[in-house]
Amino acid sequence: MTIGVPIKDAALRAELEALIAEHAYRLDMNCSENLAELYTEDGSLIAPNFACEGPEAINGYGRDRAAAKTRRVRHVCTNFRFWEDGPEQARGLCFILLFRSNGSDLSPAEPIALADAHDIYRRCPDGVWRIKERRVVLSFESAAHKAR
């Protein structure tokens, strides 16, 4: 992976971090039915056990996640790095620590995985930055996460 020219523009960094936070929020708060709104029309979400290409597949994944009301999940995103990839495109990497508990009570949350999110962002014609591709690569995985 190339380290690229880091993006130092504070406004652009804030916009990309807000996009990442919104993605995590929708998954964590069971309101991800329209997750594809955060992606380009040709966007994709690729993880170790699945791949979603295009809005219908991404929204299908989001609907499935939103329907899992007894599973509590929290994504903690950190260590953001963004770099230039052309005039209307950027790349980024962040680390995602995933906590999960099953059940509706306040059962203990387990840290179940640490993943690297390799993202490609594109500024769309409406001026909004969206995810062109999110590729999730596991760095560490608990037995509970493997057993899902």
N, C-alpha and C. Protein backbone atom coordinates (compact mmCIF):
# COMPACT_ATOMS: atom_id res chain seq x y z
N MET A 1 0.85 -1.17 0.00
CA MET A 1 0.00 0.00 0.00
C MET A 1 0.89 1.23 0.00
N THR A 2 0.55 2.18 -0.83
CA THR A 2 1.28 3.44 -0.87
C THR A 2 0.82 4.34 0.27
N ILE A 3 1.73 5.15 0.77
CA ILE A 3 1.33 6.05 1.86
C ILE A 3 0.73 7.33 1.32
N GLY A 4 0.94 7.67 0.07
CA GLY A 4 0.30 8.81 -0.56
C GLY A 4 0.61 10.13 0.09
N VAL A 5 0.02 11.18 -0.46
CA VAL A 5 0.16 12.53 0.08
C VAL A 5 -0.96 12.74 1.08
N PRO A 6 -0.64 12.90 2.36
CA PRO A 6 -1.70 13.04 3.37
C PRO A 6 -2.58 14.26 3.12
N ILE A 7 -3.86 14.10 3.38
CA ILE A 7 -4.79 15.23 3.29
C ILE A 7 -4.69 16.01 4.59
N LYS A 8 -4.37 17.27 4.47
CA LYS A 8 -4.23 18.13 5.65
C LYS A 8 -5.38 19.12 5.80
N ASP A 9 -6.19 19.27 4.77
CA ASP A 9 -7.31 20.19 4.80
C ASP A 9 -8.29 19.76 5.89
N ALA A 10 -8.43 20.59 6.91
CA ALA A 10 -9.24 20.23 8.09
C ALA A 10 -10.71 20.01 7.73
N ALA A 11 -11.25 20.80 6.81
CA ALA A 11 -12.66 20.66 6.44
C ALA A 11 -12.91 19.33 5.73
N LEU A 12 -12.01 18.95 4.84
CA LEU A 12 -12.17 17.68 4.14
C LEU A 12 -11.99 16.51 5.10
N ARG A 13 -11.00 16.58 5.96
CA ARG A 13 -10.81 15.52 6.96
C ARG A 13 -12.06 15.37 7.83
N ALA A 14 -12.63 16.50 8.25
CA ALA A 14 -13.84 16.46 9.09
C ALA A 14 -15.00 15.82 8.33
N GLU A 15 -15.13 16.13 7.06
CA GLU A 15 -16.22 15.56 6.27
C GLU A 15 -16.05 14.04 6.12
N LEU A 16 -14.83 13.59 5.89
CA LEU A 16 -14.58 12.15 5.75
C LEU A 16 -14.76 11.43 7.09
N GLU A 17 -14.31 12.03 8.17
CA GLU A 17 -14.52 11.43 9.49
C GLU A 17 -16.00 11.36 9.84
N ALA A 18 -16.76 12.39 9.46
CA ALA A 18 -18.21 12.39 9.71
C ALA A 18 -18.89 11.29 8.90
N LEU A 19 -18.43 11.03 7.69
CA LEU A 19 -18.97 9.96 6.87
C LEU A 19 -18.73 8.60 7.53
N ILE A 20 -17.52 8.39 8.04
CA ILE A 20 -17.19 7.15 8.74
C ILE A 20 -18.05 7.00 10.00
N ALA A 21 -18.21 8.09 10.74
CA ALA A 21 -19.02 8.05 11.96
C ALA A 21 -20.48 7.76 11.65
N GLU A 22 -21.01 8.33 10.59
CA GLU A 22 -22.40 8.08 10.20
C GLU A 22 -22.60 6.61 9.82
N HIS A 23 -21.63 6.05 9.12
CA HIS A 23 -21.69 4.64 8.73
C HIS A 23 -21.77 3.77 9.99
N ALA A 24 -20.90 4.01 10.95
CA ALA A 24 -20.89 3.24 12.20
C ALA A 24 -22.19 3.46 12.98
N TYR A 25 -22.66 4.70 13.05
CA TYR A 25 -23.88 5.03 13.78
C TYR A 25 -25.07 4.24 13.24
N ARG A 26 -25.23 4.24 11.92
CA ARG A 26 -26.38 3.54 11.33
C ARG A 26 -26.34 2.05 11.65
N LEU A 27 -25.16 1.44 11.60
CA LEU A 27 -25.05 0.02 11.94
C LEU A 27 -25.31 -0.22 13.42
N ASP A 28 -24.76 0.64 14.27
CA ASP A 28 -24.87 0.44 15.72
C ASP A 28 -26.26 0.72 16.27
N MET A 29 -26.98 1.64 15.67
CA MET A 29 -28.28 2.06 16.18
C MET A 29 -29.45 1.41 15.45
N ASN A 30 -29.18 0.37 14.67
CA ASN A 30 -30.22 -0.37 13.95
C ASN A 30 -31.06 0.52 13.03
N CYS A 31 -30.38 1.44 12.36
CA CYS A 31 -31.08 2.29 11.39
C CYS A 31 -30.30 2.32 10.07
N SER A 32 -29.90 1.13 9.63
CA SER A 32 -29.03 1.04 8.45
C SER A 32 -29.77 0.57 7.20
N GLU A 33 -31.10 0.68 7.19
CA GLU A 33 -31.88 0.23 6.04
C GLU A 33 -31.48 0.95 4.75
N ASN A 34 -31.03 2.17 4.88
CA ASN A 34 -30.62 2.97 3.71
C ASN A 34 -29.12 3.26 3.74
N LEU A 35 -28.35 2.27 4.11
CA LEU A 35 -26.91 2.43 4.22
C LEU A 35 -26.28 2.87 2.90
N ALA A 36 -26.88 2.47 1.79
CA ALA A 36 -26.34 2.82 0.46
C ALA A 36 -26.33 4.32 0.20
N GLU A 37 -27.08 5.11 0.97
CA GLU A 37 -27.04 6.56 0.82
C GLU A 37 -25.62 7.10 1.06
N LEU A 38 -24.83 6.35 1.80
CA LEU A 38 -23.48 6.79 2.12
C LEU A 38 -22.46 6.35 1.07
N TYR A 39 -22.92 5.62 0.06
CA TYR A 39 -22.06 5.06 -0.98
C TYR A 39 -22.37 5.68 -2.33
N THR A 40 -21.40 5.61 -3.24
CA THR A 40 -21.64 6.02 -4.62
C THR A 40 -22.58 4.98 -5.26
N GLU A 41 -23.13 5.32 -6.41
CA GLU A 41 -24.05 4.41 -7.10
C GLU A 41 -23.38 3.08 -7.44
N ASP A 42 -22.08 3.10 -7.67
CA ASP A 42 -21.34 1.87 -7.98
C ASP A 42 -20.51 1.40 -6.78
N GLY A 43 -20.93 1.82 -5.58
CA GLY A 43 -20.17 1.52 -4.38
C GLY A 43 -20.20 0.06 -3.99
N SER A 44 -19.22 -0.32 -3.15
CA SER A 44 -19.15 -1.70 -2.67
C SER A 44 -18.66 -1.74 -1.24
N LEU A 45 -19.13 -2.75 -0.53
CA LEU A 45 -18.74 -3.03 0.85
C LEU A 45 -18.26 -4.48 0.87
N ILE A 46 -16.97 -4.65 1.17
CA ILE A 46 -16.35 -5.96 1.09
C ILE A 46 -15.77 -6.30 2.46
N ALA A 47 -16.16 -7.44 2.99
CA ALA A 47 -15.68 -7.89 4.30
C ALA A 47 -15.27 -9.36 4.18
N PRO A 48 -14.65 -9.92 5.23
CA PRO A 48 -14.17 -11.30 5.11
C PRO A 48 -15.23 -12.33 4.74
N ASN A 49 -16.49 -12.15 5.16
CA ASN A 49 -17.50 -13.17 4.91
C ASN A 49 -18.59 -12.76 3.93
N PHE A 50 -18.47 -11.60 3.33
CA PHE A 50 -19.50 -11.17 2.38
C PHE A 50 -18.97 -10.03 1.51
N ALA A 51 -19.68 -9.79 0.44
CA ALA A 51 -19.40 -8.64 -0.43
C ALA A 51 -20.73 -8.12 -0.95
N CYS A 52 -20.90 -6.81 -0.89
CA CYS A 52 -22.10 -6.14 -1.38
C CYS A 52 -21.67 -5.16 -2.47
N GLU A 53 -22.24 -5.31 -3.64
CA GLU A 53 -21.92 -4.41 -4.75
C GLU A 53 -23.20 -3.71 -5.17
N GLY A 54 -23.20 -2.40 -5.13
CA GLY A 54 -24.34 -1.62 -5.57
C GLY A 54 -25.34 -1.35 -4.46
N PRO A 55 -26.22 -0.37 -4.69
CA PRO A 55 -27.15 0.08 -3.66
C PRO A 55 -28.09 -1.00 -3.13
N GLU A 56 -28.63 -1.84 -3.99
CA GLU A 56 -29.58 -2.86 -3.52
C GLU A 56 -28.92 -3.84 -2.56
N ALA A 57 -27.72 -4.29 -2.89
CA ALA A 57 -27.02 -5.24 -2.03
C ALA A 57 -26.60 -4.58 -0.72
N ILE A 58 -26.13 -3.34 -0.80
CA ILE A 58 -25.71 -2.64 0.42
C ILE A 58 -26.91 -2.38 1.32
N ASN A 59 -28.02 -1.95 0.75
CA ASN A 59 -29.23 -1.74 1.56
C ASN A 59 -29.77 -3.06 2.11
N GLY A 60 -29.63 -4.15 1.36
CA GLY A 60 -30.04 -5.46 1.86
C GLY A 60 -29.23 -5.84 3.09
N TYR A 61 -27.93 -5.61 3.03
CA TYR A 61 -27.08 -5.86 4.20
C TYR A 61 -27.52 -4.96 5.36
N GLY A 62 -27.79 -3.70 5.06
CA GLY A 62 -28.22 -2.76 6.10
C GLY A 62 -29.54 -3.18 6.73
N ARG A 63 -30.49 -3.66 5.92
CA ARG A 63 -31.78 -4.13 6.45
C ARG A 63 -31.58 -5.33 7.37
N ASP A 64 -30.73 -6.26 6.95
CA ASP A 64 -30.45 -7.43 7.79
C ASP A 64 -29.85 -7.02 9.13
N ARG A 65 -28.92 -6.08 9.09
CA ARG A 65 -28.28 -5.61 10.33
C ARG A 65 -29.29 -4.88 11.21
N ALA A 66 -30.15 -4.06 10.61
CA ALA A 66 -31.14 -3.30 11.38
C ALA A 66 -32.16 -4.23 12.04
N ALA A 67 -32.43 -5.36 11.41
CA ALA A 67 -33.42 -6.30 11.95
C ALA A 67 -32.90 -7.09 13.15
N ALA A 68 -31.62 -7.09 13.37
CA ALA A 68 -31.01 -7.85 14.48
C ALA A 68 -31.13 -7.04 15.77
N LYS A 69 -32.34 -6.91 16.29
CA LYS A 69 -32.60 -6.03 17.44
C LYS A 69 -32.04 -6.55 18.76
N THR A 70 -31.80 -7.86 18.87
CA THR A 70 -31.28 -8.38 20.14
C THR A 70 -29.76 -8.41 20.18
N ARG A 71 -29.13 -8.02 19.12
CA ARG A 71 -27.68 -7.98 19.09
C ARG A 71 -27.25 -6.52 19.21
N ARG A 72 -26.45 -6.24 20.22
CA ARG A 72 -25.95 -4.88 20.42
C ARG A 72 -24.51 -4.84 19.96
N VAL A 73 -24.22 -3.88 19.09
CA VAL A 73 -22.90 -3.74 18.49
C VAL A 73 -22.46 -2.29 18.59
N ARG A 74 -21.18 -2.10 18.81
CA ARG A 74 -20.61 -0.76 18.75
C ARG A 74 -19.29 -0.81 17.99
N HIS A 75 -19.16 0.09 17.03
CA HIS A 75 -17.93 0.26 16.27
C HIS A 75 -17.19 1.47 16.85
N VAL A 76 -15.96 1.29 17.23
CA VAL A 76 -15.11 2.40 17.68
C VAL A 76 -14.08 2.61 16.58
N CYS A 77 -14.17 3.74 15.90
CA CYS A 77 -13.29 4.03 14.76
C CYS A 77 -12.22 5.03 15.18
N THR A 78 -10.98 4.75 14.79
CA THR A 78 -9.87 5.59 15.23
C THR A 78 -8.71 5.52 14.24
N ASN A 79 -7.67 6.29 14.51
CA ASN A 79 -6.43 6.30 13.73
C ASN A 79 -6.69 6.57 12.25
N PHE A 80 -7.40 7.65 11.98
CA PHE A 80 -7.76 8.01 10.61
C PHE A 80 -6.53 8.50 9.85
N ARG A 81 -6.41 8.05 8.62
CA ARG A 81 -5.39 8.57 7.72
C ARG A 81 -6.03 8.67 6.34
N PHE A 82 -5.95 9.84 5.76
CA PHE A 82 -6.53 10.08 4.44
C PHE A 82 -5.44 10.59 3.52
N TRP A 83 -5.51 10.20 2.25
CA TRP A 83 -4.54 10.72 1.30
C TRP A 83 -5.21 10.97 -0.04
N GLU A 84 -4.59 11.86 -0.80
CA GLU A 84 -5.11 12.29 -2.09
C GLU A 84 -5.05 11.15 -3.09
N ASP A 85 -6.06 11.11 -3.97
CA ASP A 85 -6.11 10.10 -5.02
C ASP A 85 -6.77 10.69 -6.26
N GLY A 86 -6.40 11.89 -6.59
CA GLY A 86 -7.00 12.59 -7.72
C GLY A 86 -7.87 13.74 -7.25
N PRO A 87 -8.40 14.53 -8.20
CA PRO A 87 -9.15 15.74 -7.81
C PRO A 87 -10.48 15.48 -7.11
N GLU A 88 -11.15 14.40 -7.42
CA GLU A 88 -12.46 14.12 -6.83
C GLU A 88 -12.47 12.80 -6.07
N GLN A 89 -11.29 12.31 -5.71
CA GLN A 89 -11.22 11.02 -5.03
C GLN A 89 -10.14 11.06 -3.96
N ALA A 90 -10.40 10.34 -2.88
CA ALA A 90 -9.43 10.22 -1.79
C ALA A 90 -9.46 8.78 -1.30
N ARG A 91 -8.43 8.41 -0.61
CA ARG A 91 -8.36 7.09 0.02
C ARG A 91 -8.17 7.29 1.51
N GLY A 92 -8.54 6.28 2.27
CA GLY A 92 -8.39 6.39 3.71
C GLY A 92 -8.25 5.03 4.36
N LEU A 93 -7.75 5.09 5.56
CA LEU A 93 -7.61 3.91 6.40
C LEU A 93 -7.99 4.32 7.81
N CYS A 94 -8.78 3.50 8.46
CA CYS A 94 -9.05 3.69 9.88
C CYS A 94 -9.13 2.32 10.52
N PHE A 95 -8.95 2.29 11.83
CA PHE A 95 -9.06 1.05 12.58
C PHE A 95 -10.44 1.02 13.22
N ILE A 96 -11.07 -0.15 13.21
CA ILE A 96 -12.39 -0.33 13.79
C ILE A 96 -12.30 -1.41 14.86
N LEU A 97 -12.56 -1.01 16.09
CA LEU A 97 -12.65 -1.96 17.19
C LEU A 97 -14.14 -2.27 17.36
N LEU A 98 -14.49 -3.55 17.30
CA LEU A 98 -15.88 -3.95 17.34
C LEU A 98 -16.20 -4.63 18.66
N PHE A 99 -17.24 -4.10 19.33
CA PHE A 99 -17.76 -4.69 20.57
C PHE A 99 -19.13 -5.26 20.27
N ARG A 100 -19.49 -6.38 20.93
CA ARG A 100 -20.80 -6.99 20.69
C ARG A 100 -21.30 -7.66 21.96
N SER A 101 -22.61 -7.63 22.13
CA SER A 101 -23.28 -8.45 23.15
C SER A 101 -24.61 -8.89 22.57
N ASN A 102 -25.06 -10.04 23.00
CA ASN A 102 -26.34 -10.56 22.53
C ASN A 102 -27.34 -10.47 23.67
N GLY A 103 -28.53 -10.05 23.35
CA GLY A 103 -29.57 -9.88 24.35
C GLY A 103 -29.90 -8.42 24.53
N SER A 104 -31.06 -8.16 25.07
CA SER A 104 -31.52 -6.78 25.21
C SER A 104 -31.09 -6.14 26.52
N ASP A 105 -30.58 -6.93 27.45
CA ASP A 105 -30.16 -6.35 28.73
C ASP A 105 -28.75 -5.78 28.61
N LEU A 106 -28.24 -5.27 29.69
CA LEU A 106 -26.90 -4.69 29.69
C LEU A 106 -25.85 -5.75 29.99
N SER A 107 -25.85 -6.78 29.18
CA SER A 107 -24.84 -7.82 29.35
C SER A 107 -23.48 -7.26 28.97
N PRO A 108 -22.42 -7.87 29.47
CA PRO A 108 -21.08 -7.36 29.16
C PRO A 108 -20.80 -7.39 27.66
N ALA A 109 -20.17 -6.35 27.20
CA ALA A 109 -19.78 -6.28 25.79
C ALA A 109 -18.39 -6.88 25.64
N GLU A 110 -18.25 -7.70 24.63
CA GLU A 110 -16.96 -8.31 24.36
C GLU A 110 -16.28 -7.58 23.21
N PRO A 111 -14.98 -7.28 23.35
CA PRO A 111 -14.25 -6.80 22.17
C PRO A 111 -14.02 -8.03 21.28
N ILE A 112 -14.63 -8.03 20.11
CA ILE A 112 -14.59 -9.26 19.32
C ILE A 112 -13.70 -9.19 18.08
N ALA A 113 -13.36 -7.98 17.65
CA ALA A 113 -12.50 -7.90 16.46
C ALA A 113 -11.88 -6.51 16.36
N LEU A 114 -10.73 -6.48 15.72
CA LEU A 114 -10.10 -5.23 15.32
C LEU A 114 -9.84 -5.36 13.83
N ALA A 115 -10.36 -4.42 13.08
CA ALA A 115 -10.25 -4.48 11.62
C ALA A 115 -9.69 -3.18 11.08
N ASP A 116 -9.10 -3.27 9.92
CA ASP A 116 -8.66 -2.10 9.16
C ASP A 116 -9.71 -1.86 8.08
N ALA A 117 -10.21 -0.65 7.99
CA ALA A 117 -11.14 -0.28 6.93
C ALA A 117 -10.36 0.49 5.87
N HIS A 118 -10.19 -0.11 4.72
CA HIS A 118 -9.51 0.51 3.59
C HIS A 118 -10.60 1.10 2.71
N ASP A 119 -10.66 2.42 2.65
CA ASP A 119 -11.75 3.10 1.95
C ASP A 119 -11.26 3.87 0.73
N ILE A 120 -12.14 3.96 -0.25
CA ILE A 120 -11.99 4.89 -1.37
C ILE A 120 -13.21 5.79 -1.31
N TYR A 121 -12.98 7.10 -1.31
CA TYR A 121 -14.07 8.08 -1.24
C TYR A 121 -14.09 8.85 -2.55
N ARG A 122 -15.29 9.23 -2.95
CA ARG A 122 -15.42 10.03 -4.17
C ARG A 122 -16.38 11.18 -3.90
N ARG A 123 -16.01 12.35 -4.42
CA ARG A 123 -16.93 13.50 -4.35
C ARG A 123 -17.92 13.34 -5.49
N CYS A 124 -19.20 13.26 -5.14
CA CYS A 124 -20.26 13.04 -6.11
C CYS A 124 -20.67 14.36 -6.76
N PRO A 125 -21.42 14.31 -7.87
CA PRO A 125 -21.83 15.55 -8.55
C PRO A 125 -22.55 16.55 -7.65
N ASP A 126 -23.22 16.07 -6.58
CA ASP A 126 -23.90 17.00 -5.66
C ASP A 126 -22.93 17.63 -4.66
N GLY A 127 -21.63 17.32 -4.79
CA GLY A 127 -20.62 17.90 -3.91
C GLY A 127 -20.38 17.13 -2.62
N VAL A 128 -21.14 16.07 -2.39
CA VAL A 128 -21.04 15.28 -1.16
C VAL A 128 -20.05 14.14 -1.36
N TRP A 129 -19.19 13.94 -0.37
CA TRP A 129 -18.26 12.81 -0.40
C TRP A 129 -18.99 11.55 0.05
N ARG A 130 -18.81 10.47 -0.71
CA ARG A 130 -19.42 9.18 -0.38
C ARG A 130 -18.36 8.08 -0.52
N ILE A 131 -18.69 6.93 0.00
CA ILE A 131 -17.78 5.79 -0.06
C ILE A 131 -17.94 5.11 -1.41
N LYS A 132 -16.86 4.99 -2.12
CA LYS A 132 -16.83 4.23 -3.38
C LYS A 132 -16.58 2.75 -3.07
N GLU A 133 -15.66 2.51 -2.12
CA GLU A 133 -15.37 1.15 -1.72
C GLU A 133 -14.91 1.13 -0.27
N ARG A 134 -15.45 0.21 0.49
CA ARG A 134 -14.96 -0.07 1.84
C ARG A 134 -14.57 -1.54 1.87
N ARG A 135 -13.29 -1.77 2.14
CA ARG A 135 -12.76 -3.13 2.22
C ARG A 135 -12.30 -3.34 3.66
N VAL A 136 -12.98 -4.23 4.38
CA VAL A 136 -12.69 -4.50 5.78
C VAL A 136 -11.76 -5.70 5.87
N VAL A 137 -10.61 -5.48 6.52
CA VAL A 137 -9.61 -6.53 6.67
C VAL A 137 -9.37 -6.75 8.16
N LEU A 138 -9.59 -7.98 8.61
CA LEU A 138 -9.40 -8.28 10.03
C LEU A 138 -7.92 -8.27 10.39
N SER A 139 -7.62 -7.65 11.53
CA SER A 139 -6.27 -7.68 12.08
C SER A 139 -6.20 -8.64 13.26
N PHE A 140 -7.27 -8.63 14.08
CA PHE A 140 -7.39 -9.52 15.23
C PHE A 140 -8.83 -9.97 15.29
N GLU A 141 -9.05 -11.23 15.70
CA GLU A 141 -10.41 -11.76 15.77
C GLU A 141 -10.56 -12.69 16.96
N SER A 142 -11.60 -12.50 17.73
CA SER A 142 -11.86 -13.36 18.88
C SER A 142 -12.55 -14.65 18.43
N ALA A 143 -12.57 -15.63 19.30
CA ALA A 143 -13.28 -16.88 19.02
C ALA A 143 -14.77 -16.62 18.83
N ALA A 144 -15.33 -15.67 19.61
CA ALA A 144 -16.76 -15.34 19.48
C ALA A 144 -17.08 -14.78 18.09
N HIS A 145 -16.19 -13.98 17.55
CA HIS A 145 -16.41 -13.41 16.22
C HIS A 145 -16.29 -14.49 15.16
N LYS A 146 -15.34 -15.39 15.32
CA LYS A 146 -15.19 -16.50 14.36
C LYS A 146 -16.42 -17.40 14.35
N ALA A 147 -17.06 -17.55 15.50
CA ALA A 147 -18.20 -18.47 15.63
C ALA A 147 -19.50 -17.90 15.12
N ARG A 148 -19.52 -16.63 14.70
CA ARG A 148 -20.79 -16.03 14.30
C ARG A 148 -21.41 -16.83 13.25
